């Protein structure tokens, strides 16, 4: 799980990128992932180290693996 600021920034960029490609608002992502809009805001601002299950919900909403979202194996 990410702990360093750079990890959080990379995840934030990945979430923003996937959301932009789908033309979703933060509220739409939150609804699709079953999480709060403020949680999405915090993740995208790299201010929030989410729980594994939160990242998993975001990944599932995008139709990608958790490893892809977290940038594991890069």
N, C-alpha and C. Protein backbone atom coordinates (compact mmCIF):
# COMPACT_ATOMS: atom_id res chain seq x y z
N UNK A 1 0.84 -1.18 0.00
CA UNK A 1 0.00 0.00 0.00
C UNK A 1 0.88 1.24 0.00
N UNK A 2 0.42 2.28 -0.66
CA UNK A 2 1.25 3.48 -0.74
C UNK A 2 1.38 4.19 0.59
N UNK A 3 2.56 4.69 0.83
CA UNK A 3 2.77 5.49 2.03
C UNK A 3 3.53 6.76 1.70
N UNK A 4 4.40 6.73 0.74
CA UNK A 4 5.21 7.89 0.40
C UNK A 4 4.39 8.88 -0.42
N UNK A 5 4.76 10.14 -0.30
CA UNK A 5 4.07 11.20 -1.03
C UNK A 5 4.10 10.93 -2.53
N UNK A 6 5.22 10.45 -3.04
CA UNK A 6 5.30 10.20 -4.48
C UNK A 6 4.33 9.11 -4.91
N UNK A 7 4.14 8.10 -4.07
CA UNK A 7 3.16 7.06 -4.37
C UNK A 7 1.76 7.66 -4.43
N UNK A 8 1.43 8.49 -3.47
CA UNK A 8 0.11 9.11 -3.43
C UNK A 8 -0.08 10.03 -4.64
N UNK A 9 0.97 10.73 -5.04
CA UNK A 9 0.87 11.61 -6.20
C UNK A 9 0.68 10.81 -7.48
N UNK A 10 1.35 9.68 -7.59
CA UNK A 10 1.20 8.82 -8.77
C UNK A 10 -0.21 8.25 -8.84
N UNK A 11 -0.72 7.80 -7.71
CA UNK A 11 -2.09 7.27 -7.68
C UNK A 11 -3.08 8.38 -8.02
N UNK A 12 -2.88 9.56 -7.47
CA UNK A 12 -3.75 10.69 -7.76
C UNK A 12 -3.79 10.97 -9.26
N UNK A 13 -2.63 10.97 -9.89
CA UNK A 13 -2.57 11.23 -11.34
C UNK A 13 -3.26 10.13 -12.12
N UNK A 14 -3.11 8.89 -11.68
CA UNK A 14 -3.76 7.76 -12.35
C UNK A 14 -5.28 7.88 -12.25
N UNK A 15 -5.77 8.20 -11.06
CA UNK A 15 -7.22 8.35 -10.87
C UNK A 15 -7.75 9.49 -11.74
N UNK A 16 -7.08 10.64 -11.71
CA UNK A 16 -7.51 11.77 -12.54
C UNK A 16 -7.52 11.42 -14.01
N UNK A 17 -6.49 10.72 -14.45
CA UNK A 17 -6.37 10.34 -15.85
C UNK A 17 -7.51 9.40 -16.28
N UNK A 18 -7.73 8.36 -15.49
CA UNK A 18 -8.81 7.41 -15.83
C UNK A 18 -10.17 8.09 -15.79
N UNK A 19 -10.35 8.99 -14.85
CA UNK A 19 -11.63 9.70 -14.75
C UNK A 19 -11.82 10.63 -15.95
N UNK A 20 -10.77 11.30 -16.36
CA UNK A 20 -10.84 12.23 -17.49
C UNK A 20 -11.15 11.49 -18.80
N UNK A 21 -10.51 10.34 -18.99
CA UNK A 21 -10.75 9.55 -20.20
C UNK A 21 -12.22 9.16 -20.32
N UNK A 22 -12.84 8.90 -19.19
CA UNK A 22 -14.25 8.49 -19.17
C UNK A 22 -15.19 9.70 -19.10
N UNK A 23 -14.61 10.89 -18.95
CA UNK A 23 -15.39 12.13 -18.84
C UNK A 23 -16.35 12.07 -17.65
N UNK A 24 -15.85 11.53 -16.52
CA UNK A 24 -16.63 11.44 -15.30
C UNK A 24 -16.27 12.60 -14.38
N UNK A 25 -17.24 13.07 -13.67
CA UNK A 25 -16.97 14.03 -12.60
C UNK A 25 -16.49 13.24 -11.38
N UNK A 26 -15.98 13.96 -10.40
CA UNK A 26 -15.60 13.29 -9.16
C UNK A 26 -16.82 12.66 -8.51
N UNK A 27 -17.96 13.32 -8.61
CA UNK A 27 -19.19 12.78 -8.02
C UNK A 27 -19.60 11.48 -8.73
N UNK A 28 -19.44 11.44 -10.05
CA UNK A 28 -19.79 10.22 -10.79
C UNK A 28 -18.88 9.06 -10.39
N UNK A 29 -17.58 9.33 -10.27
CA UNK A 29 -16.67 8.27 -9.83
C UNK A 29 -17.04 7.80 -8.44
N UNK A 30 -17.33 8.74 -7.56
CA UNK A 30 -17.70 8.38 -6.19
C UNK A 30 -18.92 7.46 -6.18
N UNK A 31 -19.92 7.80 -6.97
CA UNK A 31 -21.13 6.98 -7.04
C UNK A 31 -20.83 5.59 -7.59
N UNK A 32 -20.07 5.54 -8.68
CA UNK A 32 -19.75 4.25 -9.30
C UNK A 32 -18.88 3.37 -8.39
N UNK A 33 -18.03 4.01 -7.59
CA UNK A 33 -17.14 3.26 -6.70
C UNK A 33 -17.78 3.00 -5.34
N UNK A 34 -18.89 3.66 -5.05
CA UNK A 34 -19.54 3.47 -3.76
C UNK A 34 -18.78 4.12 -2.62
N UNK A 35 -18.15 5.25 -2.90
CA UNK A 35 -17.40 5.99 -1.88
C UNK A 35 -17.86 7.44 -1.89
N UNK A 36 -17.42 8.22 -0.95
CA UNK A 36 -17.80 9.61 -0.88
C UNK A 36 -17.05 10.49 -1.87
N UNK A 37 -17.71 11.55 -2.32
CA UNK A 37 -17.09 12.50 -3.25
C UNK A 37 -15.86 13.13 -2.61
N UNK A 38 -15.93 13.44 -1.34
CA UNK A 38 -14.77 14.04 -0.66
C UNK A 38 -13.60 13.08 -0.60
N UNK A 39 -13.88 11.80 -0.56
CA UNK A 39 -12.80 10.82 -0.60
C UNK A 39 -12.11 10.86 -1.94
N UNK A 40 -12.89 10.95 -3.02
CA UNK A 40 -12.30 11.07 -4.36
C UNK A 40 -11.47 12.35 -4.44
N UNK A 41 -12.00 13.44 -3.95
CA UNK A 41 -11.26 14.71 -3.96
C UNK A 41 -9.92 14.57 -3.23
N UNK A 42 -9.96 13.95 -2.08
CA UNK A 42 -8.74 13.79 -1.27
C UNK A 42 -7.73 12.87 -1.95
N UNK A 43 -8.20 11.79 -2.56
CA UNK A 43 -7.30 10.88 -3.28
C UNK A 43 -6.64 11.62 -4.44
N UNK A 44 -7.44 12.37 -5.20
CA UNK A 44 -6.90 13.08 -6.36
C UNK A 44 -5.97 14.22 -5.96
N UNK A 45 -6.12 14.74 -4.77
CA UNK A 45 -5.24 15.80 -4.28
C UNK A 45 -4.00 15.22 -3.59
N UNK A 46 -3.91 13.91 -3.54
CA UNK A 46 -2.79 13.20 -2.89
C UNK A 46 -2.70 13.56 -1.41
N UNK A 47 -3.85 13.82 -0.80
CA UNK A 47 -3.90 14.15 0.63
C UNK A 47 -4.39 12.98 1.47
N UNK A 48 -4.65 11.85 0.83
CA UNK A 48 -5.36 10.79 1.52
C UNK A 48 -4.78 9.45 1.17
N UNK A 49 -4.36 8.72 2.16
CA UNK A 49 -3.94 7.34 1.97
C UNK A 49 -5.16 6.48 2.28
N UNK A 50 -5.82 6.05 1.24
CA UNK A 50 -7.07 5.30 1.40
C UNK A 50 -6.80 3.87 1.87
N UNK A 51 -7.86 3.25 2.37
CA UNK A 51 -7.81 1.84 2.72
C UNK A 51 -7.72 1.02 1.44
N UNK A 52 -7.20 -0.19 1.55
CA UNK A 52 -7.12 -1.09 0.40
C UNK A 52 -8.48 -1.24 -0.27
N UNK A 53 -9.51 -1.40 0.52
CA UNK A 53 -10.84 -1.62 -0.05
C UNK A 53 -11.34 -0.39 -0.82
N UNK A 54 -10.93 0.79 -0.42
CA UNK A 54 -11.32 2.00 -1.14
C UNK A 54 -10.63 2.03 -2.50
N UNK A 55 -9.32 1.79 -2.51
CA UNK A 55 -8.61 1.74 -3.78
C UNK A 55 -9.17 0.64 -4.68
N UNK A 56 -9.54 -0.49 -4.09
CA UNK A 56 -10.11 -1.59 -4.87
C UNK A 56 -11.44 -1.18 -5.50
N UNK A 57 -12.24 -0.42 -4.79
CA UNK A 57 -13.52 0.05 -5.34
C UNK A 57 -13.30 1.02 -6.50
N UNK A 58 -12.31 1.90 -6.36
CA UNK A 58 -11.99 2.83 -7.43
C UNK A 58 -11.51 2.06 -8.66
N UNK A 59 -10.62 1.11 -8.45
CA UNK A 59 -10.12 0.30 -9.56
C UNK A 59 -11.26 -0.43 -10.25
N UNK A 60 -12.15 -1.03 -9.47
CA UNK A 60 -13.28 -1.76 -10.05
C UNK A 60 -14.18 -0.83 -10.86
N UNK A 61 -14.40 0.38 -10.37
CA UNK A 61 -15.21 1.34 -11.11
C UNK A 61 -14.60 1.64 -12.47
N UNK A 62 -13.28 1.67 -12.54
CA UNK A 62 -12.59 1.92 -13.80
C UNK A 62 -12.43 0.66 -14.65
N UNK A 63 -12.68 -0.51 -14.05
CA UNK A 63 -12.50 -1.76 -14.78
C UNK A 63 -11.03 -2.14 -14.94
N UNK A 64 -10.22 -1.74 -13.95
CA UNK A 64 -8.80 -2.09 -13.96
C UNK A 64 -8.48 -2.84 -12.67
N UNK A 65 -7.30 -3.41 -12.62
CA UNK A 65 -6.91 -4.13 -11.42
C UNK A 65 -6.40 -3.14 -10.37
N UNK A 66 -6.40 -3.59 -9.14
CA UNK A 66 -5.85 -2.78 -8.06
C UNK A 66 -4.37 -2.50 -8.32
N UNK A 67 -3.65 -3.50 -8.80
CA UNK A 67 -2.23 -3.33 -9.10
C UNK A 67 -2.02 -2.24 -10.16
N UNK A 68 -2.88 -2.20 -11.16
CA UNK A 68 -2.77 -1.15 -12.18
C UNK A 68 -3.00 0.22 -11.56
N UNK A 69 -4.00 0.34 -10.71
CA UNK A 69 -4.30 1.62 -10.07
C UNK A 69 -3.13 2.08 -9.21
N UNK A 70 -2.54 1.16 -8.49
CA UNK A 70 -1.46 1.50 -7.57
C UNK A 70 -0.11 1.60 -8.25
N UNK A 71 -0.04 1.22 -9.52
CA UNK A 71 1.22 1.30 -10.24
C UNK A 71 2.21 0.24 -9.81
N UNK A 72 1.71 -0.86 -9.29
CA UNK A 72 2.60 -1.93 -8.85
C UNK A 72 3.16 -2.67 -10.05
N UNK A 73 4.41 -3.03 -9.94
CA UNK A 73 5.06 -3.77 -11.01
C UNK A 73 5.61 -2.87 -12.09
N UNK A 74 5.61 -1.56 -11.84
CA UNK A 74 6.16 -0.64 -12.84
C UNK A 74 7.64 -0.51 -12.67
